[in-house]
Amino acid sequence: MNQLNFMMITASPDVASFIEQHGVSRIFMDQEVNGKAERQGHLDTHKAAHSLEEIAGVASVIRHAELMVRLNPLHSFSDKEVAGAINSGAQRLMLPMFTKRDEVEEFLALVNGQVPVTFLAETPQALVRMPDWLPLLKPGYDEVHIGLNDLSLAMGLSFLFEPLAIRLLDTAAELLNGQEVKWGVGGMARIGQGELPAEILMGEHIRLGSQWVILSRAFHQGAASSAALMSQLDFPDEITKLREAQARWQQASHMELMKNHQKIATIALQIGRSIDA
């Protein structure tokens, strides 16, 4: 049974050093700004751009976690962004908002195997065309993350988890798992919190075979230090709760996982209706 791994966004070296000691396997830093405010300006999502100096600062302190940096969608200066992030200590790069095989080929050529790449499949085109571009990736090295915020926006949906309602990701999950490409999807709140609580969402990750999830803002609230982080919540305890929920779902039957999926579909569609009202 696959282990679900956690990644979290932070630009604080102190926070990064702390969370990697308590169950976070990947530190996520973000340089994407092109077009993001226009797409997600009305949403409570991460929009700050981390500088190369901040990336280098985090890279200098982490010892176990992988440092991943999300760049902008492909543009005329992508080669400089790739070089800057890698020279500052990025151990993995993420490409957002791509739509076709040509973009995957171009980005892989720019990176040239220096670090692995996670391709953020967050457009309907990228999802539909996955059989075309997925063979370009190196299993066990490159990865895929399915981004629900922009995917739901592009589909005209009001709630980011609505795509799960009709098992939209099942075909992609089967393809990714069949080609042994590690992948993840979306973000996750704390146990007992969020419009779609983690204890329910965890079951869908297990059903689909997802291996990565982003810990949402509920885990850090933008804390700039480990002391500030711990003043808001008991971080190690929250990770333990997630692991306990994961262990329970890993023992669940197929019927139980499908019943949980139906619960997710009901909740997601109800929330979508309430937003539209």
C-alpha atoms as a PDB file:
ATOM      1  CA  MET A   1       0.000   0.000   0.000  1.00  0.00           C
ATOM      2  CA  ASN A   2       1.404   3.376  -1.027  1.00  0.00           C
ATOM      3  CA  GLN A   3       2.321   5.896   1.636  1.00  0.00           C
ATOM      4  CA  LEU A   4       0.750   9.333   1.357  1.00  0.00           C
ATOM      5  CA  ASN A   5       3.506  11.939   1.631  1.00  0.00           C
ATOM      6  CA  PHE A   6       3.051  15.511   2.822  1.00  0.00           C
ATOM      7  CA  MET A   7       4.407  18.742   1.357  1.00  0.00           C
ATOM      8  CA  MET A   8       3.964  22.228   2.762  1.00  0.00           C
ATOM      9  CA  ILE A   9       4.584  25.758   1.520  1.00  0.00           C
ATOM     10  CA  THR A  10       6.901  27.938   3.576  1.00  0.00           C
ATOM     11  CA  ALA A  11       9.653  30.500   2.977  1.00  0.00           C
ATOM     12  CA  SER A  12      10.863  30.333   6.570  1.00  0.00           C
ATOM     13  CA  PRO A  13      14.092  28.363   7.116  1.00  0.00           C
ATOM     14  CA  ASP A  14      13.104  27.850  10.756  1.00  0.00           C
ATOM     15  CA  VAL A  15       9.687  26.459   9.846  1.00  0.00           C
ATOM     16  CA  ALA A  16      11.147  24.306   7.064  1.00  0.00           C
ATOM     17  CA  SER A  17      13.732  22.817   9.417  1.00  0.00           C
ATOM     18  CA  PHE A  18      11.050  22.114  12.025  1.00  0.00           C
ATOM     19  CA  ILE A  19       8.437  20.512   9.787  1.00  0.00           C
ATOM     20  CA  GLU A  20      10.896  18.223   8.013  1.00  0.00           C
ATOM     21  CA  GLN A  21      11.609  16.724  11.435  1.00  0.00           C
ATOM     22  CA  HIS A  22       7.908  16.087  11.960  1.00  0.00           C
ATOM     23  CA  GLY A  23       6.681  14.276   8.900  1.00  0.00           C
ATOM     24  CA  VAL A  24       6.850  16.721   5.971  1.00  0.00           C
ATOM     25  CA  SER A  25       8.759  15.118   3.110  1.00  0.00           C
ATOM     26  CA  ARG A  26       8.806  18.032   0.677  1.00  0.00           C
ATOM     27  CA  ILE A  27       9.191  21.777   1.207  1.00  0.00           C
ATOM     28  CA  PHE A  28       7.223  23.646  -1.457  1.00  0.00           C
ATOM     29  CA  MET A  29       8.328  27.111  -2.559  1.00  0.00           C
ATOM     30  CA  ASP A  30       6.556  29.170  -5.166  1.00  0.00           C
ATOM     31  CA  GLN A  31       7.679  31.610  -7.849  1.00  0.00           C
ATOM     32  CA  GLU A  32       4.515  31.474  -9.950  1.00  0.00           C
ATOM     33  CA  VAL A  33       2.991  34.908 -10.504  1.00  0.00           C
ATOM     34  CA  ASN A  34       2.166  35.091 -14.227  1.00  0.00           C
ATOM     35  CA  GLY A  35      -1.601  35.017 -14.597  1.00  0.00           C
ATOM     36  CA  LYS A  36      -2.232  33.683 -11.113  1.00  0.00           C
ATOM     37  CA  ALA A  37      -3.899  36.762  -9.630  1.00  0.00           C
ATOM     38  CA  GLU A  38      -6.240  36.958 -12.610  1.00  0.00           C
ATOM     39  CA  ARG A  39      -7.249  33.302 -12.208  1.00  0.00           C
ATOM     40  CA  GLN A  40      -7.350  32.985  -8.425  1.00  0.00           C
ATOM     41  CA  GLY A  41      -7.656  36.546  -7.136  1.00  0.00           C
ATOM     42  CA  HIS A  42     -11.015  35.778  -5.515  1.00  0.00           C
ATOM     43  CA  LEU A  43      -9.747  32.629  -3.785  1.00  0.00           C
ATOM     44  CA  ASP A  44      -7.872  32.201  -0.505  1.00  0.00           C
ATOM     45  CA  THR A  45      -4.876  30.535  -2.137  1.00  0.00           C
ATOM     46  CA  HIS A  46      -1.122  31.068  -1.923  1.00  0.00           C
ATOM     47  CA  LYS A  47      -0.114  33.961  -4.171  1.00  0.00           C
ATOM     48  CA  ALA A  48       3.181  35.281  -2.737  1.00  0.00           C
ATOM     49  CA  ALA A  49       6.269  34.873  -4.913  1.00  0.00           C
ATOM     50  CA  HIS A  50       9.349  33.553  -3.145  1.00  0.00           C
ATOM     51  CA  SER A  51      12.655  35.132  -4.087  1.00  0.00           C
ATOM     52  CA  LEU A  52      15.828  33.274  -5.032  1.00  0.00           C
ATOM     53  CA  GLU A  53      17.324  34.494  -1.762  1.00  0.00           C
ATOM     54  CA  GLU A  54      14.461  32.918   0.176  1.00  0.00           C
ATOM     55  CA  ILE A  55      14.866  29.675  -1.751  1.00  0.00           C
ATOM     56  CA  ALA A  56      18.582  29.625  -0.954  1.00  0.00           C
ATOM     57  CA  GLY A  57      17.842  30.299   2.707  1.00  0.00           C
ATOM     58  CA  VAL A  58      15.524  27.316   2.992  1.00  0.00           C
ATOM     59  CA  ALA A  59      17.876  25.127   0.947  1.00  0.00           C
ATOM     60  CA  SER A  60      20.692  25.860   3.375  1.00  0.00           C
ATOM     61  CA  VAL A  61      18.896  24.381   6.393  1.00  0.00           C
ATOM     62  CA  ILE A  62      16.867  21.370   5.271  1.00  0.00           C
ATOM     63  CA  ARG A  63      18.549  17.997   5.631  1.00  0.00           C
ATOM     64  CA  HIS A  64      15.948  15.347   4.807  1.00  0.00           C
ATOM     65  CA  ALA A  65      13.027  16.903   2.946  1.00  0.00           C
ATOM     66  CA  GLU A  66      13.154  17.645  -0.769  1.00  0.00           C
ATOM     67  CA  LEU A  67      12.956  21.287  -1.833  1.00  0.00           C
ATOM     68  CA  MET A  68      10.551  21.830  -4.727  1.00  0.00           C
ATOM     69  CA  VAL A  69      10.087  25.182  -6.474  1.00  0.00           C
ATOM     70  CA  ARG A  70       7.098  25.978  -8.678  1.00  0.00           C
ATOM     71  CA  LEU A  71       8.052  28.245 -11.577  1.00  0.00           C
ATOM     72  CA  ASN A  72       5.868  30.282 -13.909  1.00  0.00           C
ATOM     73  CA  PRO A  73       4.160  28.673 -16.895  1.00  0.00           C
ATOM     74  CA  LEU A  74       6.497  28.479 -19.881  1.00  0.00           C
ATOM     75  CA  HIS A  75       7.520  31.878 -21.239  1.00  0.00           C
ATOM     76  CA  SER A  76      10.475  33.523 -22.966  1.00  0.00           C
ATOM     77  CA  PHE A  77      12.615  33.642 -19.806  1.00  0.00           C
ATOM     78  CA  SER A  78      11.865  30.150 -18.494  1.00  0.00           C
ATOM     79  CA  ASP A  79      15.466  29.103 -19.069  1.00  0.00           C
ATOM     80  CA  LYS A  80      16.631  31.795 -16.643  1.00  0.00           C
ATOM     81  CA  GLU A  81      13.998  30.797 -14.082  1.00  0.00           C
ATOM     82  CA  VAL A  82      15.100  27.164 -14.291  1.00  0.00           C
ATOM     83  CA  ALA A  83      18.771  28.088 -13.836  1.00  0.00           C
ATOM     84  CA  GLY A  84      18.038  30.524 -11.017  1.00  0.00           C
ATOM     85  CA  ALA A  85      15.967  28.059  -9.014  1.00  0.00           C
ATOM     86  CA  ILE A  86      18.442  25.191  -9.420  1.00  0.00           C
ATOM     87  CA  ASN A  87      21.437  27.395  -8.600  1.00  0.00           C
ATOM     88  CA  SER A  88      19.605  28.550  -5.465  1.00  0.00           C
ATOM     89  CA  GLY A  89      19.138  24.995  -4.235  1.00  0.00           C
ATOM     90  CA  ALA A  90      15.917  23.679  -5.770  1.00  0.00           C
ATOM     91  CA  GLN A  91      15.967  19.876  -5.848  1.00  0.00           C
ATOM     92  CA  ARG A  92      12.787  19.559  -7.893  1.00  0.00           C
ATOM     93  CA  LEU A  93      10.919  21.950 -10.194  1.00  0.00           C
ATOM     94  CA  MET A  94       7.185  22.212 -10.837  1.00  0.00           C
ATOM     95  CA  LEU A  95       5.653  23.397 -14.108  1.00  0.00           C
ATOM     96  CA  PRO A  96       2.107  24.819 -13.794  1.00  0.00           C
ATOM     97  CA  MET A  97      -0.637  25.582 -16.321  1.00  0.00           C
ATOM     98  CA  PHE A  98       0.647  23.525 -19.236  1.00  0.00           C
ATOM     99  CA  THR A  99      -1.830  22.185 -21.781  1.00  0.00           C
ATOM    100  CA  LYS A 100       0.007  19.938 -24.242  1.00  0.00           C
ATOM    101  CA  ARG A 101       2.861  17.561 -24.957  1.00  0.00           C
ATOM    102  CA  ASP A 102       5.018  20.217 -26.638  1.00  0.00           C
ATOM    103  CA  GLU A 103       5.214  22.198 -23.397  1.00  0.00           C
ATOM    104  CA  VAL A 104       6.220  19.104 -21.423  1.00  0.00           C
ATOM    105  CA  GLU A 105       8.931  18.355 -23.988  1.00  0.00           C
ATOM    106  CA  GLU A 106      10.201  21.928 -23.927  1.00  0.00           C
ATOM    107  CA  PHE A 107      10.370  22.116 -20.147  1.00  0.00           C
ATOM    108  CA  LEU A 108      12.132  18.765 -19.855  1.00  0.00           C
ATOM    109  CA  ALA A 109      14.666  19.997 -22.407  1.00  0.00           C
ATOM    110  CA  LEU A 110      15.253  23.192 -20.414  1.00  0.00           C
ATOM    111  CA  VAL A 111      15.793  21.265 -17.183  1.00  0.00           C
ATOM    112  CA  ASN A 112      17.900  18.671 -19.006  1.00  0.00           C
ATOM    113  CA  GLY A 113      17.767  16.118 -16.208  1.00  0.00           C
ATOM    114  CA  GLN A 114      19.465  18.368 -13.647  1.00  0.00           C
ATOM    115  CA  VAL A 115      16.590  17.809 -11.209  1.00  0.00           C
ATOM    116  CA  PRO A 116      13.302  15.907 -11.416  1.00  0.00           C
ATOM    117  CA  VAL A 117      10.138  17.704 -12.478  1.00  0.00           C
ATOM    118  CA  THR A 118       6.597  17.605 -11.132  1.00  0.00           C
ATOM    119  CA  PHE A 119       4.083  18.512 -13.819  1.00  0.00           C
ATOM    120  CA  LEU A 120       1.078  20.299 -12.334  1.00  0.00           C
ATOM    121  CA  ALA A 121      -1.887  19.015 -14.333  1.00  0.00           C
ATOM    122  CA  GLU A 122      -4.404  21.738 -13.565  1.00  0.00           C
ATOM    123  CA  THR A 123      -5.941  22.465 -16.959  1.00  0.00           C
ATOM    124  CA  PRO A 124      -8.628  20.325 -18.601  1.00  0.00           C
ATOM    125  CA  GLN A 125      -6.341  20.004 -21.624  1.00  0.00           C
ATOM    126  CA  ALA A 126      -3.489  18.571 -19.558  1.00  0.00           C
ATOM    127  CA  LEU A 127      -5.821  16.071 -17.904  1.00  0.00           C
ATOM    128  CA  VAL A 128      -7.448  14.923 -21.156  1.00  0.00           C
ATOM    129  CA  ARG A 129      -4.118  14.746 -22.990  1.00  0.00           C
ATOM    130  CA  MET A 130      -2.282  12.858 -20.235  1.00  0.00           C
ATOM    131  CA  PRO A 131      -1.870   9.700 -22.369  1.00  0.00           C
ATOM    132  CA  ASP A 132       0.024  11.861 -24.890  1.00  0.00           C
ATOM    133  CA  TRP A 133       2.527  13.540 -22.559  1.00  0.00           C
ATOM    134  CA  LEU A 134       2.895  11.092 -19.674  1.00  0.00           C
ATOM    135  CA  PRO A 135       5.258   8.741 -21.574  1.00  0.00           C
ATOM    136  CA  LEU A 136       7.789  11.605 -21.711  1.00  0.00           C
ATOM    137  CA  LEU A 137       8.258  11.417 -17.932  1.00  0.00           C
ATOM    138  CA  LYS A 138      10.799   9.193 -16.223  1.00  0.00           C
ATOM    139  CA  PRO A 139       9.014   6.962 -13.660  1.00  0.00           C
ATOM    140  CA  GLY A 140      10.570   7.143 -10.218  1.00  0.00           C
ATOM    141  CA  TYR A 141      12.074  10.532 -11.083  1.00  0.00           C
ATOM    142  CA  ASP A 142       9.483  12.887 -12.568  1.00  0.00           C
ATOM    143  CA  GLU A 143       6.033  13.160 -11.028  1.00  0.00           C
ATOM    144  CA  VAL A 144       2.545  14.596 -11.577  1.00  0.00           C
ATOM    145  CA  HIS A 145       0.347  16.632  -9.261  1.00  0.00           C
ATOM    146  CA  ILE A 146      -3.293  17.279 -10.143  1.00  0.00           C
ATOM    147  CA  GLY A 147      -4.258  20.824  -9.167  1.00  0.00           C
ATOM    148  CA  LEU A 148      -7.914  21.165  -8.249  1.00  0.00           C
ATOM    149  CA  ASN A 149      -8.129  24.953  -7.856  1.00  0.00           C
ATOM    150  CA  ASP A 150      -7.417  25.886 -11.459  1.00  0.00           C
ATOM    151  CA  LEU A 151      -8.986  22.719 -12.840  1.00  0.00           C
ATOM    152  CA  SER A 152     -12.320  23.517 -11.196  1.00  0.00           C
ATOM    153  CA  LEU A 153     -12.107  27.176 -12.267  1.00  0.00           C
ATOM    154  CA  ALA A 154     -11.441  26.210 -15.880  1.00  0.00           C
ATOM    155  CA  MET A 155     -14.466  23.920 -15.779  1.00  0.00           C
ATOM    156  CA  GLY A 156     -16.697  26.700 -14.464  1.00  0.00           C
ATOM    157  CA  LEU A 157     -17.182  24.966 -11.106  1.00  0.00           C
ATOM    158  CA  SER A 158     -17.589  26.814  -7.821  1.00  0.00           C
ATOM    159  CA  PHE A 159     -15.906  24.406  -5.373  1.00  0.00           C
ATOM    160  CA  LEU A 160     -12.495  22.884  -5.955  1.00  0.00           C
ATOM    161  CA  PHE A 161     -13.500  19.352  -4.950  1.00  0.00           C
ATOM    162  CA  GLU A 162     -16.454  19.160  -7.342  1.00  0.00           C
ATOM    163  CA  PRO A 163     -14.360  17.312  -9.984  1.00  0.00           C
ATOM    164  CA  LEU A 164     -14.239  14.381  -7.556  1.00  0.00           C
ATOM    165  CA  ALA A 165     -18.036  14.084  -7.622  1.00  0.00           C
ATOM    166  CA  ILE A 166     -18.143  12.123 -10.905  1.00  0.00           C
ATOM    167  CA  ARG A 167     -14.836  10.293 -10.329  1.00  0.00           C
ATOM    168  CA  LEU A 168     -13.162  12.542 -12.893  1.00  0.00           C
ATOM    169  CA  LEU A 169      -9.688  11.583 -11.666  1.00  0.00           C
ATOM    170  CA  ASP A 170     -10.177   7.817 -11.741  1.00  0.00           C
ATOM    171  CA  THR A 171      -8.914   7.385 -15.310  1.00  0.00           C
ATOM    172  CA  ALA A 172      -5.869   9.583 -14.677  1.00  0.00           C
ATOM    173  CA  ALA A 173      -5.127   7.687 -11.461  1.00  0.00           C
ATOM    174  CA  GLU A 174      -5.306   4.360 -13.278  1.00  0.00           C
ATOM    175  CA  LEU A 175      -2.961   5.638 -15.979  1.00  0.00           C
ATOM    176  CA  LEU A 176      -0.451   7.098 -13.520  1.00  0.00           C
ATOM    177  CA  ASN A 177      -0.463   4.052 -11.261  1.00  0.00           C
ATOM    178  CA  GLY A 178      -0.166   1.728 -14.268  1.00  0.00           C
ATOM    179  CA  GLN A 179       2.927   3.556 -15.526  1.00  0.00           C
ATOM    180  CA  GLU A 180       4.370   3.734 -11.987  1.00  0.00           C
ATOM    181  CA  VAL A 181       4.590   7.517 -12.038  1.00  0.00           C
ATOM    182  CA  LYS A 182       4.241   8.934  -8.541  1.00  0.00           C
ATOM    183  CA  TRP A 183       1.505  11.511  -8.239  1.00  0.00           C
ATOM    184  CA  GLY A 184      -0.628  13.525  -5.876  1.00  0.00           C
ATOM    185  CA  VAL A 185      -3.693  15.684  -5.886  1.00  0.00           C
ATOM    186  CA  GLY A 186      -4.835  18.900  -4.229  1.00  0.00           C
ATOM    187  CA  GLY A 187      -4.466  19.948  -0.635  1.00  0.00           C
ATOM    188  CA  MET A 188      -5.702  18.756   2.728  1.00  0.00           C
ATOM    189  CA  ALA A 189      -6.855  20.532   5.879  1.00  0.00           C
ATOM    190  CA  ARG A 190      -6.449  19.305   9.434  1.00  0.00           C
ATOM    191  CA  ILE A 191      -8.483  16.457  10.902  1.00  0.00           C
ATOM    192  CA  GLY A 192     -11.932  17.798  11.783  1.00  0.00           C
ATOM    193  CA  GLN A 193     -11.425  21.024   9.846  1.00  0.00           C
ATOM    194  CA  GLY A 194     -12.178  22.353   6.394  1.00  0.00           C
ATOM    195  CA  GLU A 195     -15.249  22.239   4.215  1.00  0.00           C
ATOM    196  CA  LEU A 196     -14.163  18.741   3.269  1.00  0.00           C
ATOM    197  CA  PRO A 197     -12.460  17.417   6.428  1.00  0.00           C
ATOM    198  CA  ALA A 198      -9.210  15.510   6.108  1.00  0.00           C
ATOM    199  CA  GLU A 199     -10.599  12.309   7.636  1.00  0.00           C
ATOM    200  CA  ILE A 200     -13.030  12.050   4.694  1.00  0.00           C
ATOM    201  CA  LEU A 201     -10.663  13.249   1.978  1.00  0.00           C
ATOM    202  CA  MET A 202      -7.974  10.824   3.137  1.00  0.00           C
ATOM    203  CA  GLY A 203     -10.157   7.927   2.045  1.00  0.00           C
ATOM    204  CA  GLU A 204     -10.265   9.261  -1.517  1.00  0.00           C
ATOM    205  CA  HIS A 205      -6.466   9.511  -1.644  1.00  0.00           C
ATOM    206  CA  ILE A 206      -6.256   5.875  -0.573  1.00  0.00           C
ATOM    207  CA  ARG A 207      -8.933   4.792  -3.077  1.00  0.00           C
ATOM    208  CA  LEU A 208      -7.174   6.512  -5.977  1.00  0.00           C
ATOM    209  CA  GLY A 209      -3.614   5.592  -4.986  1.00  0.00           C
ATOM    210  CA  SER A 210      -2.408   9.182  -4.549  1.00  0.00           C
ATOM    211  CA  GLN A 211       1.032   9.523  -2.966  1.00  0.00           C
ATOM    212  CA  TRP A 212       1.296  13.284  -2.355  1.00  0.00           C
ATOM    213  CA  VAL A 213      -0.875  16.000  -0.847  1.00  0.00           C
ATOM    214  CA  ILE A 214      -0.230  19.632   0.082  1.00  0.00           C
ATOM    215  CA  LEU A 215      -0.866  20.516   3.715  1.00  0.00           C
ATOM    216  CA  SER A 216      -3.170  23.516   3.562  1.00  0.00           C
ATOM    217  CA  ARG A 217      -2.862  26.858   5.302  1.00  0.00           C
ATOM    218  CA  ALA A 218      -4.712  25.326   8.251  1.00  0.00           C
ATOM    219  CA  PHE A 219      -1.371  23.766   9.208  1.00  0.00           C
ATOM    220  CA  HIS A 220       0.667  26.955   9.342  1.00  0.00           C
ATOM    221  CA  GLN A 221      -1.349  30.179   8.809  1.00  0.00           C
ATOM    222  CA  GLY A 222       1.741  31.750   7.285  1.00  0.00           C
ATOM    223  CA  ALA A 223       3.829  31.342  10.447  1.00  0.00           C
ATOM    224  CA  ALA A 224       7.322  32.784  10.073  1.00  0.00           C
ATOM    225  CA  SER A 225       8.885  30.712  12.866  1.00  0.00           C
ATOM    226  CA  SER A 226       8.445  27.307  14.464  1.00  0.00           C
ATOM    227  CA  ALA A 227       7.491  29.023  17.724  1.00  0.00           C
ATOM    228  CA  ALA A 228       4.702  30.925  15.969  1.00  0.00           C
ATOM    229  CA  LEU A 229       3.615  27.715  14.272  1.00  0.00           C
ATOM    230  CA  MET A 230       3.419  25.793  17.555  1.00  0.00           C
ATOM    231  CA  SER A 231       1.568  28.664  19.220  1.00  0.00           C
ATOM    232  CA  GLN A 232      -1.286  28.001  16.786  1.00  0.00           C
ATOM    233  CA  LEU A 233      -1.367  24.207  16.835  1.00  0.00           C
ATOM    234  CA  ASP A 234       0.484  21.105  17.963  1.00  0.00           C
ATOM    235  CA  PHE A 235       2.010  20.337  14.570  1.00  0.00           C
ATOM    236  CA  PRO A 236       3.463  16.881  15.381  1.00  0.00           C
ATOM    237  CA  ASP A 237       0.117  15.833  16.856  1.00  0.00           C
ATOM    238  CA  GLU A 238      -1.746  16.985  13.754  1.00  0.00           C
ATOM    239  CA  ILE A 239       0.573  14.897  11.560  1.00  0.00           C
ATOM    240  CA  THR A 240      -0.022  11.906  13.844  1.00  0.00           C
ATOM    241  CA  LYS A 241      -3.783  12.346  13.417  1.00  0.00           C
ATOM    242  CA  LEU A 242      -3.378  12.314   9.645  1.00  0.00           C
ATOM    243  CA  ARG A 243      -1.295   9.143   9.809  1.00  0.00           C
ATOM    244  CA  GLU A 244      -3.896   7.481  12.013  1.00  0.00           C
ATOM    245  CA  ALA A 245      -6.629   8.372   9.527  1.00  0.00           C
ATOM    246  CA  GLN A 246      -4.489   7.043   6.696  1.00  0.00           C
ATOM    247  CA  ALA A 247      -3.938   3.747   8.526  1.00  0.00           C
ATOM    248  CA  ARG A 248      -7.687   3.331   9.086  1.00  0.00           C
ATOM    249  CA  TRP A 249      -8.497   3.902   5.421  1.00  0.00           C
ATOM    250  CA  GLN A 250      -5.734   1.551   4.289  1.00  0.00           C
ATOM    251  CA  GLN A 251      -7.614  -1.211   6.109  1.00  0.00           C
ATOM    252  CA  ALA A 252     -10.958  -0.266   4.540  1.00  0.00           C
ATOM    253  CA  SER A 253     -12.739  -2.447   1.987  1.00  0.00           C
ATOM    254  CA  HIS A 254     -13.481  -1.356  -1.555  1.00  0.00           C
ATOM    255  CA  MET A 255     -17.124  -0.968  -0.595  1.00  0.00           C
ATOM    256  CA  GLU A 256     -16.199   1.324   2.309  1.00  0.00           C
ATOM    257  CA  LEU A 257     -13.967   3.428   0.061  1.00  0.00           C
ATOM    258  CA  MET A 258     -16.745   3.768  -2.524  1.00  0.00           C
ATOM    259  CA  LYS A 259     -19.259   4.735   0.158  1.00  0.00           C
ATOM    260  CA  ASN A 260     -16.805   7.397   1.321  1.00  0.00           C
ATOM    261  CA  HIS A 261     -16.464   8.630  -2.263  1.00  0.00           C
ATOM    262  CA  GLN A 262     -20.241   9.000  -2.475  1.00  0.00           C
ATOM    263  CA  LYS A 263     -20.146  11.041   0.737  1.00  0.00           C
ATOM    264  CA  ILE A 264     -17.471  13.302  -0.766  1.00  0.00           C
ATOM    265  CA  ALA A 265     -19.556  13.743  -3.926  1.00  0.00           C
ATOM    266  CA  THR A 266     -22.623  14.726  -1.908  1.00  0.00           C
ATOM    267  CA  ILE A 267     -20.717  17.236   0.223  1.00  0.00           C
ATOM    268  CA  ALA A 268     -18.830  18.761  -2.745  1.00  0.00           C
ATOM    269  CA  LEU A 269     -21.968  19.253  -4.806  1.00  0.00           C
ATOM    270  CA  GLN A 270     -23.880  20.705  -1.862  1.00  0.00           C
ATOM    271  CA  ILE A 271     -21.106  23.227  -1.253  1.00  0.00           C
ATOM    272  CA  GLY A 272     -21.024  24.081  -4.948  1.00  0.00           C
ATOM    273  CA  ARG A 273     -24.767  24.729  -4.910  1.00  0.00           C
ATOM    274  CA  SER A 274     -24.521  26.916  -1.826  1.00  0.00           C
ATOM    275  CA  ILE A 275     -21.770  29.025  -3.443  1.00  0.00           C
ATOM    276  CA  ASP A 276     -23.843  29.433  -6.596  1.00  0.00           C
ATOM    277  CA  ALA A 277     -26.992  30.424  -4.678  1.00  0.00           C
END
